[in-house]
Amino acid sequence: MIVLNASIPIDPDSREAAVDAATELARQSREEDGVVDYRVALDIEDDATLRVFEQYEDDAAVESHMESDHFQAFQGRIPEFVAGDVELYRFDVDEKSRMM
C-alpha cells in the first residue's frame, strides 16, 4: 500500500474556497479504482492548514489519481488559496494492522 500525506497552508481569507475544493477532491477521489481511502481535514491546532491523507493499492492507482480531471482541477485552484509551501510525503507500507 502507498500512503501520501500532504499539508497545505491556506490563506484564512480563502478558507471556504479551500475547504470546498478539497471536499470535492476527496469525494471524487474516493470513487477511483485503487483508492483505499482519501481524507481531507483542517488541522485542529492550526485551522489554516489542510491535511490530506491518501491510501492507494499501488503505484498505478497513484498515477491514475494524479492524472484524473478532478485532481488536475484541484491543482489549478491551489493558487487561489495557498499561503505557503505545500508539503507532500510518501510512505510505502508493507502491512497494516488495527491497534484499537
C-alpha atoms as a PDB file:
ATOM      1  CA  MET A   1       0.000   0.000   0.000  1.00  0.00           C
ATOM      2  CA  ILE A   2       1.102   3.559  -0.669  1.00  0.00           C
ATOM      3  CA  VAL A   3       0.200   6.343   1.742  1.00  0.00           C
ATOM      4  CA  LEU A   4       0.521  10.015   0.842  1.00  0.00           C
ATOM      5  CA  ASN A   5       0.302  12.735   3.459  1.00  0.00           C
ATOM      6  CA  ALA A   6       0.064  16.383   2.418  1.00  0.00           C
ATOM      7  CA  SER A   7      -0.044  19.641   4.358  1.00  0.00           C
ATOM      8  CA  ILE A   8      -1.473  22.633   2.544  1.00  0.00           C
ATOM      9  CA  PRO A   9      -1.216  26.031   4.248  1.00  0.00           C
ATOM     10  CA  ILE A  10      -4.229  28.140   3.304  1.00  0.00           C
ATOM     11  CA  ASP A  11      -4.962  31.854   3.375  1.00  0.00           C
ATOM     12  CA  PRO A  12      -7.576  32.425   6.109  1.00  0.00           C
ATOM     13  CA  ASP A  13      -9.446  34.791   3.753  1.00  0.00           C
ATOM     14  CA  SER A  14      -9.787  31.924   1.252  1.00  0.00           C
ATOM     15  CA  ARG A  15     -10.587  29.194   3.784  1.00  0.00           C
ATOM     16  CA  GLU A  16     -14.074  28.499   2.450  1.00  0.00           C
ATOM     17  CA  ALA A  17     -12.855  28.118  -1.141  1.00  0.00           C
ATOM     18  CA  ALA A  18     -10.061  25.791   0.013  1.00  0.00           C
ATOM     19  CA  VAL A  19     -12.406  23.626   2.073  1.00  0.00           C
ATOM     20  CA  ASP A  20     -14.942  23.426  -0.764  1.00  0.00           C
ATOM     21  CA  ALA A  21     -12.279  22.460  -3.322  1.00  0.00           C
ATOM     22  CA  ALA A  22     -10.697  19.873  -1.014  1.00  0.00           C
ATOM     23  CA  THR A  23     -14.069  18.390  -0.066  1.00  0.00           C
ATOM     24  CA  GLU A  24     -14.952  17.849  -3.719  1.00  0.00           C
ATOM     25  CA  LEU A  25     -11.495  16.430  -4.447  1.00  0.00           C
ATOM     26  CA  ALA A  26     -11.828  13.913  -1.614  1.00  0.00           C
ATOM     27  CA  ARG A  27     -15.349  12.882  -2.612  1.00  0.00           C
ATOM     28  CA  GLN A  28     -14.369  12.194  -6.218  1.00  0.00           C
ATOM     29  CA  SER A  29     -11.046  10.596  -5.287  1.00  0.00           C
ATOM     30  CA  ARG A  30     -12.698   8.012  -3.021  1.00  0.00           C
ATOM     31  CA  GLU A  31     -14.622   6.765  -6.078  1.00  0.00           C
ATOM     32  CA  GLU A  32     -11.440   5.936  -8.032  1.00  0.00           C
ATOM     33  CA  ASP A  33     -10.290   2.364  -8.579  1.00  0.00           C
ATOM     34  CA  GLY A  34      -7.281   1.587  -6.402  1.00  0.00           C
ATOM     35  CA  VAL A  35      -8.005   4.262  -3.800  1.00  0.00           C
ATOM     36  CA  VAL A  36      -8.244   2.632  -0.379  1.00  0.00           C
ATOM     37  CA  ASP A  37      -9.113   5.897   1.403  1.00  0.00           C
ATOM     38  CA  TYR A  38      -8.851   9.630   0.811  1.00  0.00           C
ATOM     39  CA  ARG A  39      -9.492  12.125   3.603  1.00  0.00           C
ATOM     40  CA  VAL A  40      -9.060  15.864   3.988  1.00  0.00           C
ATOM     41  CA  ALA A  41      -9.266  17.690   7.316  1.00  0.00           C
ATOM     42  CA  LEU A  42      -8.459  21.019   8.863  1.00  0.00           C
ATOM     43  CA  ASP A  43      -5.680  20.788  11.430  1.00  0.00           C
ATOM     44  CA  ILE A  44      -7.272  21.198  14.873  1.00  0.00           C
ATOM     45  CA  GLU A  45      -4.245  23.137  16.110  1.00  0.00           C
ATOM     46  CA  ASP A  46      -3.943  25.322  13.004  1.00  0.00           C
ATOM     47  CA  ASP A  47      -7.177  25.819  11.056  1.00  0.00           C
ATOM     48  CA  ALA A  48      -5.173  27.490   8.291  1.00  0.00           C
ATOM     49  CA  THR A  49      -3.704  24.116   7.318  1.00  0.00           C
ATOM     50  CA  LEU A  50      -5.436  21.407   5.316  1.00  0.00           C
ATOM     51  CA  ARG A  51      -4.205  17.867   5.948  1.00  0.00           C
ATOM     52  CA  VAL A  52      -4.691  15.300   3.188  1.00  0.00           C
ATOM     53  CA  PHE A  53      -4.367  11.585   3.963  1.00  0.00           C
ATOM     54  CA  GLU A  54      -4.428   9.259   0.936  1.00  0.00           C
ATOM     55  CA  GLN A  55      -4.133   5.467   0.698  1.00  0.00           C
ATOM     56  CA  TYR A  56      -3.625   3.621  -2.586  1.00  0.00           C
ATOM     57  CA  GLU A  57      -3.353  -0.030  -3.543  1.00  0.00           C
ATOM     58  CA  ASP A  58      -0.333   0.531  -5.803  1.00  0.00           C
ATOM     59  CA  ASP A  59       1.677   2.934  -7.993  1.00  0.00           C
ATOM     60  CA  ALA A  60      -0.808   2.599 -10.860  1.00  0.00           C
ATOM     61  CA  ALA A  61      -3.576   3.938  -8.608  1.00  0.00           C
ATOM     62  CA  VAL A  62      -1.410   6.895  -7.540  1.00  0.00           C
ATOM     63  CA  GLU A  63      -0.567   7.697 -11.169  1.00  0.00           C
ATOM     64  CA  SER A  64      -4.193   7.405 -12.232  1.00  0.00           C
ATOM     65  CA  HIS A  65      -5.233   9.759  -9.440  1.00  0.00           C
ATOM     66  CA  MET A  66      -2.572  12.330 -10.333  1.00  0.00           C
ATOM     67  CA  GLU A  67      -3.810  12.293 -13.943  1.00  0.00           C
ATOM     68  CA  SER A  68      -7.526  12.487 -13.060  1.00  0.00           C
ATOM     69  CA  ASP A  69      -9.552  15.503 -14.123  1.00  0.00           C
ATOM     70  CA  HIS A  70     -10.661  16.267 -10.560  1.00  0.00           C
ATOM     71  CA  PHE A  71      -7.084  16.218  -9.232  1.00  0.00           C
ATOM     72  CA  GLN A  72      -5.906  18.449 -12.079  1.00  0.00           C
ATOM     73  CA  ALA A  73      -8.804  20.828 -11.377  1.00  0.00           C
ATOM     74  CA  PHE A  74      -7.823  20.980  -7.697  1.00  0.00           C
ATOM     75  CA  GLN A  75      -4.189  21.635  -8.616  1.00  0.00           C
ATOM     76  CA  GLY A  76      -5.359  24.501 -10.815  1.00  0.00           C
ATOM     77  CA  ARG A  77      -7.253  26.045  -7.908  1.00  0.00           C
ATOM     78  CA  ILE A  78      -4.445  25.842  -5.341  1.00  0.00           C
ATOM     79  CA  PRO A  79      -3.063  29.314  -6.199  1.00  0.00           C
ATOM     80  CA  GLU A  80      -6.448  30.754  -5.162  1.00  0.00           C
ATOM     81  CA  PHE A  81      -5.973  29.758  -1.533  1.00  0.00           C
ATOM     82  CA  VAL A  82      -2.445  28.532  -0.782  1.00  0.00           C
ATOM     83  CA  ALA A  83      -0.419  30.577   1.700  1.00  0.00           C
ATOM     84  CA  GLY A  84       2.981  28.904   1.740  1.00  0.00           C
ATOM     85  CA  ASP A  85       4.779  25.774   0.664  1.00  0.00           C
ATOM     86  CA  VAL A  86       2.782  22.580   0.220  1.00  0.00           C
ATOM     87  CA  GLU A  87       4.440  19.523   1.778  1.00  0.00           C
ATOM     88  CA  LEU A  88       3.819  16.030   0.404  1.00  0.00           C
ATOM     89  CA  TYR A  89       5.265  12.817   1.821  1.00  0.00           C
ATOM     90  CA  ARG A  90       5.025   9.264   0.522  1.00  0.00           C
ATOM     91  CA  PHE A  91       5.104   6.137   2.662  1.00  0.00           C
ATOM     92  CA  ASP A  92       5.418   2.632   1.224  1.00  0.00           C
ATOM     93  CA  VAL A  93       3.641   0.324   3.653  1.00  0.00           C
ATOM     94  CA  ASP A  94       4.106  -3.456   3.728  1.00  0.00           C
ATOM     95  CA  GLU A  95       1.296  -4.224   6.131  1.00  0.00           C
ATOM     96  CA  LYS A  96      -1.480  -2.615   8.082  1.00  0.00           C
ATOM     97  CA  SER A  97      -2.866  -3.774  11.424  1.00  0.00           C
ATOM     98  CA  ARG A  98      -5.582  -2.406  13.661  1.00  0.00           C
ATOM     99  CA  MET A  99      -4.397  -1.348  17.087  1.00  0.00           C
ATOM    100  CA  MET A 100      -7.742  -0.411  18.633  1.00  0.00           C
END
